[in-house]
């Protein structure tokens, strides 16, 4: 009887859960609950975060327009070549001013290599052009350049080099004409500034004023079209002393221009004018004598005198 009681008591004791087993279950339960709570908290945090992000105002990043670099401006050079009544002279007209705006003369002429470096107006461009074989003179107008060559040199040998030199000078941006102090007092170049030294009697001042006005407004523009210019040198006993420049200086028809064009116009508008005389340098006098001999030879052969009339020429000007 007692043994049965002991057996039942031991069975009950053995059938009860131990403290360790109960503790393990509690730990597993706590772990599961903690995991569930963490998962729920994470889900709530994710939901809140996404919800708050949807409602939170956002600033768009500042965007600036892309900077577009423009290519540097290129300078277009266009040089027009024009024939003149003088077969040995060509007129080059770049889209660029040749003489400075404040230049005291309407033209500038270089007849020797030395004059291109002499004061008061040396010119590196003229020095280069005078070094070209066959070139005898360089003439500057306000916006054009007239190059004269010797008669025995064809333009096919001269023109390409002259064109290249002028193009380089214009594109370089350097001044074509410089001004330096003239200590010697001598004018190394021919210019209209010598008109201030024109000689005439004081009582003829009014007549000279009319002559100069007519030259400036009616005659000079036409001669400039032919690649040259004209210079007033004086007025004596009804005779107007003039000097042709540029292409007109060595033109075969310069005498015709003076007599048939300029002289007739001056005599028509100014009754005190009796005639026109051309002022020549020593070299020009020699050339004129040679031309007269050539004319006599043509007459002896029964041929006419060669004449050349160009655009804007005064050879056929009517008074």
Protein backbone atom coordinates (compact mmCIF):
# COMPACT_ATOMS: atom_id res chain seq x y z
CA UNK A 1 0.00 0.00 0.00
CA UNK A 2 2.75 2.34 0.90
CA UNK A 3 4.66 1.44 -2.22
CA UNK A 4 1.71 2.33 -4.41
CA UNK A 5 1.46 5.74 -2.75
CA UNK A 6 5.12 6.36 -3.32
CA UNK A 7 4.80 5.35 -6.99
CA UNK A 8 1.89 7.72 -7.56
CA UNK A 9 3.74 10.50 -5.84
CA UNK A 10 6.83 9.98 -8.00
CA UNK A 11 4.69 9.83 -11.15
CA UNK A 12 3.07 13.16 -10.36
CA UNK A 13 6.40 14.70 -9.61
CA UNK A 14 7.89 13.41 -12.83
CA UNK A 15 4.87 14.48 -14.86
CA UNK A 16 5.15 18.15 -13.69
CA UNK A 17 7.08 20.52 -15.96
CA UNK A 18 10.43 21.48 -14.64
CA UNK A 19 11.47 25.06 -13.95
CA UNK A 20 14.04 25.01 -16.75
CA UNK A 21 11.48 23.84 -19.27
CA UNK A 22 9.08 26.52 -18.15
CA UNK A 23 11.81 29.13 -18.41
CA UNK A 24 12.67 28.05 -21.98
CA UNK A 25 9.08 28.36 -23.01
CA UNK A 26 8.90 31.80 -21.48
CA UNK A 27 12.03 32.86 -23.32
CA UNK A 28 10.71 31.57 -26.64
CA UNK A 29 7.42 33.30 -26.05
CA UNK A 30 9.16 36.56 -25.15
CA UNK A 31 11.40 36.31 -28.21
CA UNK A 32 8.44 35.71 -30.49
CA UNK A 33 6.55 38.61 -28.98
CA UNK A 34 9.60 40.88 -29.30
CA UNK A 35 10.09 39.90 -32.93
CA UNK A 36 6.43 40.52 -33.65
CA UNK A 37 6.58 43.88 -31.90
CA UNK A 38 9.75 44.88 -33.82
CA UNK A 39 8.16 43.83 -37.09
CA UNK A 40 5.05 45.82 -36.33
CA UNK A 41 7.13 48.83 -35.30
CA UNK A 42 9.22 48.60 -38.47
CA UNK A 43 6.11 48.39 -40.58
CA UNK A 44 4.60 51.38 -38.81
CA UNK A 45 7.88 53.31 -39.18
CA UNK A 46 8.06 52.48 -42.87
CA UNK A 47 4.47 53.54 -43.35
CA UNK A 48 5.01 56.78 -41.47
CA UNK A 49 8.24 57.50 -43.30
CA UNK A 50 6.72 56.97 -46.72
CA UNK A 51 3.67 58.96 -45.69
CA UNK A 52 5.76 61.82 -44.36
CA UNK A 53 7.92 61.80 -47.48
CA UNK A 54 4.87 62.14 -49.64
CA UNK A 55 3.69 65.14 -47.68
CA UNK A 56 7.05 66.78 -47.05
CA UNK A 57 7.70 69.65 -49.51
CA UNK A 58 10.82 69.13 -51.54
CA UNK A 59 13.00 71.75 -53.21
CA UNK A 60 13.84 71.10 -56.82
CA UNK A 61 17.56 71.42 -57.52
CA UNK A 62 18.57 74.70 -59.09
CA UNK A 63 19.33 74.21 -62.75
CA UNK A 64 21.19 76.85 -64.72
CA UNK A 65 21.05 77.03 -68.48
CA UNK A 66 24.04 75.50 -70.11
CA UNK A 67 26.63 78.11 -71.06
CA UNK A 68 27.05 78.07 -74.80
CA UNK A 69 30.39 79.32 -75.92
CA UNK A 70 30.21 81.41 -79.04
CA UNK A 71 33.11 81.08 -81.43
CA UNK A 72 35.36 84.13 -81.67
CA UNK A 73 34.33 86.60 -84.32
CA UNK A 74 36.27 86.23 -87.52
CA UNK A 75 37.12 89.18 -89.68
CA UNK A 76 36.15 88.82 -93.29
CA UNK A 77 38.48 90.54 -95.71
CA UNK A 78 37.30 91.27 -99.22
CA UNK A 79 39.68 93.05 -101.58
CA UNK A 80 38.30 94.29 -104.86
CA UNK A 81 40.66 94.88 -107.78
CA UNK A 82 39.80 97.55 -110.35
CA UNK A 83 41.46 98.48 -113.61
CA UNK A 84 42.46 102.07 -114.25
CA UNK A 85 42.99 104.06 -117.46
CA UNK A 86 46.69 103.48 -116.85
CA UNK A 87 47.55 99.97 -118.04
CA UNK A 88 50.48 99.89 -115.60
CA UNK A 89 48.39 100.74 -112.52
CA UNK A 90 45.87 98.65 -110.58
CA UNK A 91 43.52 99.84 -107.87
CA UNK A 92 43.03 97.60 -104.81
CA UNK A 93 40.01 98.42 -102.65
CA UNK A 94 39.91 96.53 -99.31
CA UNK A 95 36.90 96.84 -97.01
CA UNK A 96 39.17 98.72 -94.65
CA UNK A 97 40.27 102.32 -94.24
CA UNK A 98 43.74 102.90 -95.63
CA UNK A 99 44.43 106.40 -94.33
CA UNK A 100 43.54 107.31 -90.72
CA UNK A 101 40.36 109.29 -90.20
CA UNK A 102 42.24 112.35 -88.94
CA UNK A 103 44.86 112.25 -91.70
CA UNK A 104 45.54 115.79 -92.97
CA UNK A 105 45.59 114.80 -96.66
CA UNK A 106 43.28 112.97 -99.05
CA UNK A 107 46.16 110.88 -100.40
CA UNK A 108 49.71 109.70 -99.75
CA UNK A 109 52.20 108.59 -102.40
CA UNK A 110 55.46 106.63 -102.12
CA UNK A 111 57.70 106.81 -105.19
CA UNK A 112 60.92 105.34 -103.78
CA UNK A 113 61.82 102.63 -101.29
CA UNK A 114 63.45 105.27 -99.09
CA UNK A 115 60.24 107.27 -98.85
CA UNK A 116 58.43 104.30 -97.25
CA UNK A 117 60.58 104.58 -94.10
CA UNK A 118 61.13 108.35 -94.09
CA UNK A 119 59.21 110.77 -91.85
CA UNK A 120 56.61 111.98 -91.35
CA UNK A 121 54.45 109.05 -92.58
CA UNK A 122 56.38 105.78 -92.99
CA UNK A 123 54.41 102.72 -94.03
CA UNK A 124 55.47 99.07 -93.53
CA UNK A 125 52.95 97.98 -96.16
CA UNK A 126 54.34 100.40 -98.75
CA UNK A 127 57.86 99.19 -97.94
CA UNK A 128 56.85 95.60 -98.67
CA UNK A 129 55.07 96.55 -101.88
CA UNK A 130 58.04 98.58 -103.14
CA UNK A 131 60.22 95.49 -102.64
CA UNK A 132 58.11 93.54 -105.13
CA UNK A 133 59.97 93.26 -108.40
CA UNK A 134 58.51 95.63 -110.99
CA UNK A 135 56.59 97.93 -108.60
CA UNK A 136 57.54 101.59 -109.11
CA UNK A 137 55.14 103.48 -106.82
CA UNK A 138 52.45 102.99 -104.17
CA UNK A 139 49.56 105.40 -103.76
CA UNK A 140 47.14 105.54 -100.80
CA UNK A 141 43.66 107.01 -101.03
CA UNK A 142 41.17 107.15 -98.19
CA UNK A 143 39.92 103.61 -98.84
CA UNK A 144 42.00 102.26 -101.72
CA UNK A 145 45.57 101.47 -102.76
CA UNK A 146 46.94 102.04 -106.25
CA UNK A 147 50.05 100.10 -107.25
CA UNK A 148 51.99 101.15 -110.35
CA UNK A 149 54.48 98.86 -112.07
CA UNK A 150 57.04 99.23 -114.82
CA UNK A 151 55.84 98.73 -118.38
CA UNK A 152 58.11 95.75 -119.04
CA UNK A 153 56.75 93.71 -116.09
CA UNK A 154 53.52 91.75 -116.70
CA UNK A 155 50.78 91.89 -114.09
CA UNK A 156 50.75 88.10 -113.95
CA UNK A 157 54.09 88.27 -112.10
CA UNK A 158 53.19 91.19 -109.84
CA UNK A 159 49.49 91.01 -108.96
CA UNK A 160 49.44 87.75 -106.89
CA UNK A 161 52.25 88.90 -104.60
CA UNK A 162 50.79 92.40 -104.23
CA UNK A 163 47.37 90.94 -103.40
CA UNK A 164 48.88 88.62 -100.77
CA UNK A 165 50.87 91.42 -99.10
CA UNK A 166 47.83 93.71 -98.89
CA UNK A 167 45.67 90.89 -97.47
CA UNK A 168 48.20 90.11 -94.73
CA UNK A 169 48.58 93.79 -93.82
CA UNK A 170 44.82 94.32 -93.50
CA UNK A 171 44.16 91.15 -91.48
CA UNK A 172 47.02 91.88 -89.07
CA UNK A 173 45.13 94.84 -87.61
CA UNK A 174 48.26 96.99 -87.58
CA UNK A 175 48.04 100.60 -88.85
CA UNK A 176 48.94 100.94 -92.50
CA UNK A 177 50.36 104.45 -92.08
CA UNK A 178 52.41 105.60 -89.10
CA UNK A 179 53.21 109.15 -88.04
CA UNK A 180 56.59 110.08 -86.57
CA UNK A 181 58.29 113.34 -85.77
CA UNK A 182 59.87 115.02 -88.76
CA UNK A 183 63.06 116.59 -87.46
CA UNK A 184 64.55 117.39 -90.86
CA UNK A 185 61.50 119.29 -92.10
CA UNK A 186 61.56 117.42 -95.42
CA UNK A 187 58.47 115.63 -96.65
CA UNK A 188 59.48 112.11 -97.62
CA UNK A 189 56.11 111.38 -99.24
CA UNK A 190 53.88 113.20 -101.66
CA UNK A 191 50.63 114.43 -100.14
CA UNK A 192 48.04 117.15 -100.50
CA UNK A 193 49.58 118.95 -97.53
CA UNK A 194 51.93 120.59 -100.03
CA UNK A 195 48.93 122.53 -101.37
CA UNK A 196 49.49 124.88 -98.45
CA UNK A 197 52.72 125.89 -100.23
CA UNK A 198 50.88 126.79 -103.45
CA UNK A 199 51.99 130.13 -104.84
CA UNK A 200 49.67 132.88 -106.06
CA UNK A 201 49.28 136.63 -105.76
CA UNK A 202 47.37 137.96 -102.74
CA UNK A 203 44.85 139.70 -105.00
CA UNK A 204 43.99 136.33 -106.58
CA UNK A 205 42.94 134.76 -103.29
CA UNK A 206 39.24 134.80 -104.20
CA UNK A 207 39.93 133.20 -107.59
CA UNK A 208 42.11 130.55 -105.96
CA UNK A 209 39.31 129.76 -103.51
CA UNK A 210 36.91 129.11 -106.40
CA UNK A 211 39.52 126.95 -108.16
CA UNK A 212 40.10 124.83 -105.06
CA UNK A 213 36.37 124.42 -104.45
CA UNK A 214 35.81 123.25 -108.01
CA UNK A 215 38.75 120.85 -107.78
CA UNK A 216 37.43 119.41 -104.52
CA UNK A 217 33.78 118.97 -105.50
CA UNK A 218 33.81 118.22 -109.24
CA UNK A 219 37.26 117.12 -110.40
CA UNK A 220 38.93 115.22 -107.54
CA UNK A 221 36.15 112.61 -107.07
CA UNK A 222 36.34 111.67 -110.76
CA UNK A 223 40.12 111.33 -110.69
CA UNK A 224 39.97 109.25 -107.50
CA UNK A 225 37.71 106.80 -109.32
CA UNK A 226 40.63 106.25 -111.71
CA UNK A 227 42.99 105.46 -108.82
CA UNK A 228 44.67 108.85 -108.62
CA UNK A 229 44.34 112.36 -107.25
CA UNK A 230 45.13 115.95 -108.11
CA UNK A 231 47.17 118.58 -106.34
CA UNK A 232 46.87 122.36 -106.66
CA UNK A 233 50.29 124.03 -106.92
CA UNK A 234 49.54 127.64 -107.82
CA UNK A 235 47.88 130.25 -110.03
CA UNK A 236 49.88 132.69 -112.17
CA UNK A 237 48.79 134.91 -115.07
CA UNK A 238 45.58 132.97 -115.58
CA UNK A 239 47.37 129.60 -115.58
CA UNK A 240 46.39 126.96 -113.00
CA UNK A 241 49.35 124.83 -111.90
CA UNK A 242 48.28 121.26 -111.14
CA UNK A 243 50.04 117.98 -110.42
CA UNK A 244 48.47 114.59 -111.06
CA UNK A 245 49.07 111.77 -108.59
CA UNK A 246 48.68 108.01 -108.41
CA UNK A 247 47.59 106.18 -111.53
CA UNK A 248 47.06 109.48 -113.35
CA UNK A 249 50.66 110.57 -112.84
CA UNK A 250 52.11 108.13 -115.39
CA UNK A 251 49.00 107.62 -117.48
CA UNK A 252 49.40 108.08 -121.23
CA UNK A 253 46.19 110.09 -121.35
CA UNK A 254 47.11 112.48 -118.52
CA UNK A 255 47.65 115.35 -120.94
CA UNK A 256 44.28 114.70 -122.54
CA UNK A 257 42.69 114.63 -119.09
CA UNK A 258 44.19 118.00 -118.20
CA UNK A 259 43.33 119.75 -121.44
CA UNK A 260 40.00 118.25 -122.47
CA UNK A 261 38.62 117.66 -119.00
CA UNK A 262 40.02 119.85 -116.24
CA UNK A 263 41.01 122.88 -118.28
CA UNK A 264 37.69 123.15 -120.09
CA UNK A 265 35.76 122.83 -116.84
CA UNK A 266 37.80 125.46 -114.98
CA UNK A 267 37.63 127.90 -117.89
CA UNK A 268 33.87 127.42 -118.15
CA UNK A 269 33.12 128.21 -114.49
CA UNK A 270 35.92 130.72 -113.76
CA UNK A 271 36.49 133.31 -116.46
CA UNK A 272 39.84 134.39 -114.99
CA UNK A 273 41.32 130.96 -115.79
CA UNK A 274 43.08 130.96 -119.17
CA UNK A 275 44.62 127.50 -119.08
CA UNK A 276 46.03 124.60 -117.06
CA UNK A 277 49.66 123.49 -116.79
CA UNK A 278 50.91 120.23 -115.35
CA UNK A 279 53.76 120.36 -112.83
CA UNK A 280 56.24 117.55 -113.45
CA UNK A 281 59.10 116.07 -111.48
CA UNK A 282 62.40 115.41 -113.21
CA UNK A 283 61.58 111.74 -113.77
CA UNK A 284 58.17 112.66 -115.13
CA UNK A 285 59.69 115.13 -117.58
CA UNK A 286 61.90 112.39 -118.98
CA UNK A 287 58.91 110.05 -119.29
CA UNK A 288 56.90 112.78 -121.01
CA UNK A 289 59.65 113.34 -123.58
CA UNK A 290 59.77 109.62 -124.30
CA UNK A 291 56.01 109.56 -124.76
CA UNK A 292 56.14 112.49 -127.18
CA UNK A 293 58.74 110.63 -129.22
CA UNK A 294 56.48 107.59 -129.23
CA UNK A 295 53.56 109.71 -130.46
CA UNK A 296 55.66 111.14 -133.29
CA UNK A 297 56.66 107.63 -134.31
CA UNK A 298 53.01 106.56 -134.43
CA UNK A 299 52.07 109.58 -136.52
CA UNK A 300 54.88 108.78 -138.94
CA UNK A 301 53.47 105.27 -139.31
CA UNK A 302 49.98 106.64 -139.91
CA UNK A 303 48.49 105.48 -136.61
CA UNK A 304 46.46 107.49 -134.16
CA UNK A 305 47.53 108.55 -130.70
CA UNK A 306 46.61 105.92 -128.08
CA UNK A 307 44.03 107.12 -125.59
CA UNK A 308 42.59 105.38 -122.59
CA UNK A 309 39.37 106.34 -120.89
CA UNK A 310 38.36 104.69 -117.63
CA UNK A 311 35.48 104.82 -115.20
CA UNK A 312 35.00 108.32 -113.83
CA UNK A 313 37.56 109.79 -116.21
CA UNK A 314 37.41 113.47 -117.06
CA UNK A 315 38.66 112.93 -120.59
CA UNK A 316 35.14 113.40 -121.92
CA UNK A 317 33.81 115.69 -119.21
CA UNK A 318 31.47 118.37 -120.41
CA UNK A 319 31.49 121.81 -118.91
